[in-house]
């Protein structure tokens, strides 16, 4: 979504996100989201199958595009994005054959690559030490996304990264404010929230799915992090 004007208040994965004009926002397929309040909206919302996205771009977005991106009104980046979106909008209104659809796909690809280029450019302004730390954090996040259900110990991630547990923990905490253990727990609890919202599976089934063989322990952990039991959470956010 690119907002040219208006005020927006959304819920994304049960967290309130507010922003106003000249903002770029990405909502990922698995994220639970809905509109809380919108005033005088102006801009574009574009929805597409993630299968059309280059895998490197997809991974970059997952690592770096987690919060609204505020845009400078006269920047080349903003002007480039709005030009592409205008072209996509006009092309969709005049589809006549298969080449029209292919042209829209090409414009979408250019739009996504432009965002990816800006994300890379922004991160390149860090110094060498910060870049090394960012690489460690990003690689940890990739590993976490793949293995949070089975790798519950920080040592498993540190071993894969060939660094000490203390170095991994210090790096992740310095950049995010939370320890590696907290990130592992939060990844499991977030998936549990999505399961509680999207499915009718029992708490026991969800506990097993997110990697906890003891549902009682899972229930206590869930309440510690959310201040709600799993069933209270389901009742509050879905029922």
Protein backbone atom coordinates (compact mmCIF):
# COMPACT_ATOMS: atom_id res chain seq x y z
CA UNK A 1 0.00 0.00 0.00
CA UNK A 2 1.20 3.49 -0.84
CA UNK A 3 -0.73 6.24 0.94
CA UNK A 4 -0.66 9.66 -0.71
CA UNK A 5 -3.01 11.20 1.83
CA UNK A 6 -5.24 10.46 4.78
CA UNK A 7 -4.86 8.95 8.22
CA UNK A 8 -4.79 5.20 8.81
CA UNK A 9 -5.07 2.93 11.81
CA UNK A 10 -4.69 -0.81 11.15
CA UNK A 11 -4.24 -3.97 13.17
CA UNK A 12 -1.45 -6.20 11.83
CA UNK A 13 -0.78 -9.43 13.69
CA UNK A 14 -2.70 -8.02 16.67
CA UNK A 15 -0.57 -4.86 16.90
CA UNK A 16 -1.93 -1.41 16.15
CA UNK A 17 -0.15 0.41 13.31
CA UNK A 18 -0.88 4.08 12.63
CA UNK A 19 0.42 6.26 9.80
CA UNK A 20 -0.57 9.13 7.56
CA UNK A 21 0.16 10.41 4.06
CA UNK A 22 3.27 9.51 2.04
CA UNK A 23 3.78 6.09 3.57
CA UNK A 24 4.58 2.71 2.06
CA UNK A 25 3.31 -0.38 3.87
CA UNK A 26 3.69 -4.11 3.20
CA UNK A 27 1.36 -6.75 4.66
CA UNK A 28 2.54 -10.33 4.21
CA UNK A 29 0.18 -13.19 3.26
CA UNK A 30 0.24 -14.95 6.63
CA UNK A 31 -0.34 -11.78 8.64
CA UNK A 32 -3.76 -11.25 10.20
CA UNK A 33 -4.85 -7.70 9.45
CA UNK A 34 -7.88 -5.45 9.41
CA UNK A 35 -8.74 -1.76 9.28
CA UNK A 36 -9.51 -0.03 12.58
CA UNK A 37 -10.05 3.49 11.25
CA UNK A 38 -9.38 5.41 8.04
CA UNK A 39 -9.89 9.11 7.33
CA UNK A 40 -9.79 10.64 3.84
CA UNK A 41 -7.71 7.88 2.22
CA UNK A 42 -5.86 8.52 -1.02
CA UNK A 43 -3.35 6.27 -2.78
CA UNK A 44 -3.08 2.68 -3.97
CA UNK A 45 -3.52 -0.79 -2.55
CA UNK A 46 -2.11 -3.57 -4.71
CA UNK A 47 -2.65 -7.24 -3.96
CA UNK A 48 -0.75 -10.03 -5.73
CA UNK A 49 0.22 -13.67 -5.44
CA UNK A 50 3.61 -13.97 -3.68
CA UNK A 51 4.52 -16.63 -6.25
CA UNK A 52 5.17 -13.84 -8.77
CA UNK A 53 7.83 -12.29 -6.51
CA UNK A 54 11.51 -13.08 -6.98
CA UNK A 55 12.66 -15.20 -4.03
CA UNK A 56 15.52 -12.82 -3.14
CA UNK A 57 13.14 -9.86 -3.09
CA UNK A 58 10.67 -11.82 -0.98
CA UNK A 59 13.38 -12.69 1.57
CA UNK A 60 14.62 -9.08 1.63
CA UNK A 61 11.10 -7.78 2.32
CA UNK A 62 10.64 -10.34 5.10
CA UNK A 63 13.89 -9.21 6.72
CA UNK A 64 13.73 -5.44 6.26
CA UNK A 65 10.15 -4.32 5.56
CA UNK A 66 8.35 -4.81 8.88
CA UNK A 67 7.11 -1.29 9.58
CA UNK A 68 5.67 1.61 7.57
CA UNK A 69 8.22 3.32 5.33
CA UNK A 70 7.88 7.09 5.34
CA UNK A 71 8.56 8.77 2.00
CA UNK A 72 10.05 12.13 1.04
CA UNK A 73 7.52 13.90 -1.24
CA UNK A 74 10.02 15.13 -3.85
CA UNK A 75 12.44 12.20 -3.72
CA UNK A 76 13.26 10.22 -6.87
CA UNK A 77 12.16 7.08 -5.02
CA UNK A 78 8.67 8.41 -4.29
CA UNK A 79 8.23 9.80 -7.80
CA UNK A 80 9.39 6.50 -9.32
CA UNK A 81 6.92 4.49 -7.22
CA UNK A 82 3.96 6.72 -8.01
CA UNK A 83 4.78 6.68 -11.73
CA UNK A 84 4.81 2.87 -11.75
CA UNK A 85 1.57 2.65 -9.77
CA UNK A 86 -0.15 5.07 -12.13
CA UNK A 87 0.98 2.95 -15.07
CA UNK A 88 -0.27 -0.25 -13.40
CA UNK A 89 -3.63 1.37 -12.68
CA UNK A 90 -4.05 2.60 -16.26
CA UNK A 91 -2.90 -0.74 -17.69
CA UNK A 92 -5.44 -2.65 -15.59
CA UNK A 93 -8.21 -0.45 -16.95
CA UNK A 94 -7.28 -1.28 -20.55
CA UNK A 95 -6.46 -5.00 -20.58
CA UNK A 96 -7.05 -6.28 -24.12
CA UNK A 97 -4.92 -9.44 -24.45
CA UNK A 98 -2.27 -11.59 -22.80
CA UNK A 99 0.44 -9.00 -23.44
CA UNK A 100 -1.48 -6.46 -21.38
CA UNK A 101 -1.32 -8.79 -18.39
CA UNK A 102 2.37 -9.41 -19.00
CA UNK A 103 3.04 -5.67 -19.07
CA UNK A 104 1.29 -5.28 -15.70
CA UNK A 105 3.42 -8.10 -14.30
CA UNK A 106 6.55 -6.35 -15.56
CA UNK A 107 5.47 -3.05 -13.99
CA UNK A 108 4.78 -4.82 -10.68
CA UNK A 109 8.23 -6.40 -10.82
CA UNK A 110 9.79 -2.98 -11.42
CA UNK A 111 7.81 -1.57 -8.50
CA UNK A 112 9.01 -4.32 -6.12
CA UNK A 113 12.61 -4.09 -7.34
CA UNK A 114 12.56 -0.33 -6.73
CA UNK A 115 11.55 -0.92 -3.11
CA UNK A 116 14.20 -3.64 -2.76
CA UNK A 117 16.84 -1.28 -4.15
CA UNK A 118 15.87 1.38 -1.60
CA UNK A 119 16.01 -1.13 1.26
CA UNK A 120 19.52 -2.18 0.23
CA UNK A 121 20.64 1.43 -0.25
CA UNK A 122 19.36 2.42 3.21
CA UNK A 123 21.12 -0.46 4.95
CA UNK A 124 24.37 0.28 3.08
CA UNK A 125 24.75 3.55 4.99
CA UNK A 126 25.78 1.59 8.10
CA UNK A 127 29.44 1.15 8.93
CA UNK A 128 31.27 -2.19 8.59
CA UNK A 129 30.70 -3.32 12.18
CA UNK A 130 27.00 -2.52 11.97
CA UNK A 131 26.79 -4.39 8.67
CA UNK A 132 28.34 -7.47 10.27
CA UNK A 133 25.88 -7.26 13.15
CA UNK A 134 22.98 -6.79 10.73
CA UNK A 135 24.06 -9.85 8.75
CA UNK A 136 24.07 -11.93 11.94
CA UNK A 137 20.63 -10.63 12.95
CA UNK A 138 19.17 -11.15 9.48
CA UNK A 139 20.57 -14.67 9.18
CA UNK A 140 19.24 -15.49 12.64
CA UNK A 141 15.80 -14.26 11.59
CA UNK A 142 15.91 -16.43 8.45
CA UNK A 143 16.88 -19.46 10.53
CA UNK A 144 14.18 -18.62 13.07
CA UNK A 145 11.49 -18.51 10.39
CA UNK A 146 12.56 -21.95 9.17
CA UNK A 147 13.24 -23.71 12.48
CA UNK A 148 11.34 -22.05 15.35
CA UNK A 149 9.11 -25.13 15.75
CA UNK A 150 12.05 -27.45 16.42
CA UNK A 151 14.99 -25.26 17.45
CA UNK A 152 14.06 -23.91 20.87
CA UNK A 153 17.60 -23.30 22.17
CA UNK A 154 19.81 -20.29 21.25
CA UNK A 155 22.78 -22.67 20.96
CA UNK A 156 21.23 -24.31 17.89
CA UNK A 157 21.17 -20.99 16.03
CA UNK A 158 24.63 -19.97 17.25
CA UNK A 159 26.04 -23.28 16.04
CA UNK A 160 24.55 -22.80 12.58
CA UNK A 161 26.04 -19.29 12.46
CA UNK A 162 29.42 -20.54 13.77
CA UNK A 163 29.50 -17.98 16.58
CA UNK A 164 29.16 -18.20 20.36
CA UNK A 165 25.79 -18.06 22.06
CA UNK A 166 26.81 -14.93 23.94
CA UNK A 167 27.89 -13.16 20.73
CA UNK A 168 24.62 -14.05 19.02
CA UNK A 169 22.56 -12.95 21.99
CA UNK A 170 24.49 -9.67 22.46
CA UNK A 171 24.16 -8.84 18.75
CA UNK A 172 20.46 -9.61 18.48
CA UNK A 173 19.63 -7.81 21.72
CA UNK A 174 21.64 -4.72 20.74
CA UNK A 175 19.75 -4.41 17.44
CA UNK A 176 16.26 -5.46 18.53
CA UNK A 177 16.09 -4.92 22.28
CA UNK A 178 15.15 -8.56 22.93
CA UNK A 179 17.19 -11.68 23.60
CA UNK A 180 17.41 -14.67 21.28
CA UNK A 181 15.24 -16.73 23.66
CA UNK A 182 12.51 -14.09 23.58
CA UNK A 183 12.55 -14.07 19.77
CA UNK A 184 12.21 -17.86 19.69
CA UNK A 185 9.25 -17.75 22.08
CA UNK A 186 7.59 -14.86 20.23
CA UNK A 187 7.86 -16.65 16.86
CA UNK A 188 6.03 -19.67 18.30
CA UNK A 189 3.42 -17.57 20.07
CA UNK A 190 2.73 -15.48 16.95
CA UNK A 191 2.09 -18.63 14.92
CA UNK A 192 -0.13 -19.90 17.73
CA UNK A 193 -2.13 -16.65 17.61
CA UNK A 194 -2.63 -17.09 13.87
CA UNK A 195 -3.74 -20.69 14.38
CA UNK A 196 -6.16 -19.64 17.12
CA UNK A 197 -7.58 -16.98 14.80
CA UNK A 198 -7.68 -18.87 11.50
CA UNK A 199 -8.51 -22.42 12.64
CA UNK A 200 -10.70 -24.32 15.09
CA UNK A 201 -7.84 -26.54 16.26
CA UNK A 202 -7.63 -27.30 19.96
CA UNK A 203 -5.02 -25.64 22.15
CA UNK A 204 -3.32 -29.02 22.50
CA UNK A 205 -3.07 -29.43 18.71
CA UNK A 206 -1.71 -25.92 18.30
CA UNK A 207 0.81 -26.51 21.08
CA UNK A 208 2.23 -29.48 19.20
CA UNK A 209 2.22 -27.60 15.88
CA UNK A 210 4.37 -24.75 17.23
CA UNK A 211 6.85 -27.11 18.84
CA UNK A 212 5.74 -27.59 22.44
CA UNK A 213 5.14 -31.17 23.55
CA UNK A 214 3.70 -30.07 26.89
CA UNK A 215 0.42 -28.17 26.34
CA UNK A 216 0.33 -27.05 29.98
CA UNK A 217 3.73 -25.36 29.62
CA UNK A 218 2.62 -23.85 26.30
CA UNK A 219 -0.50 -22.43 27.93
CA UNK A 220 1.53 -20.84 30.72
CA UNK A 221 4.02 -19.37 28.22
CA UNK A 222 1.19 -18.02 26.05
CA UNK A 223 -0.40 -16.27 29.04
CA UNK A 224 2.95 -14.92 30.21
CA UNK A 225 3.53 -13.25 26.84
CA UNK A 226 -0.03 -12.16 25.98
CA UNK A 227 -1.68 -11.86 29.42
CA UNK A 228 -4.43 -14.12 28.06
CA UNK A 229 -4.93 -17.86 27.97
CA UNK A 230 -5.12 -19.31 24.43
CA UNK A 231 -8.90 -19.73 24.71
CA UNK A 232 -9.34 -16.19 26.06
CA UNK A 233 -7.30 -14.93 23.12
CA UNK A 234 -9.46 -16.82 20.63
CA UNK A 235 -12.64 -15.52 22.24
CA UNK A 236 -11.41 -11.92 22.27
CA UNK A 237 -10.00 -11.72 18.74
CA UNK A 238 -12.11 -14.14 16.76
CA UNK A 239 -15.35 -15.15 18.47
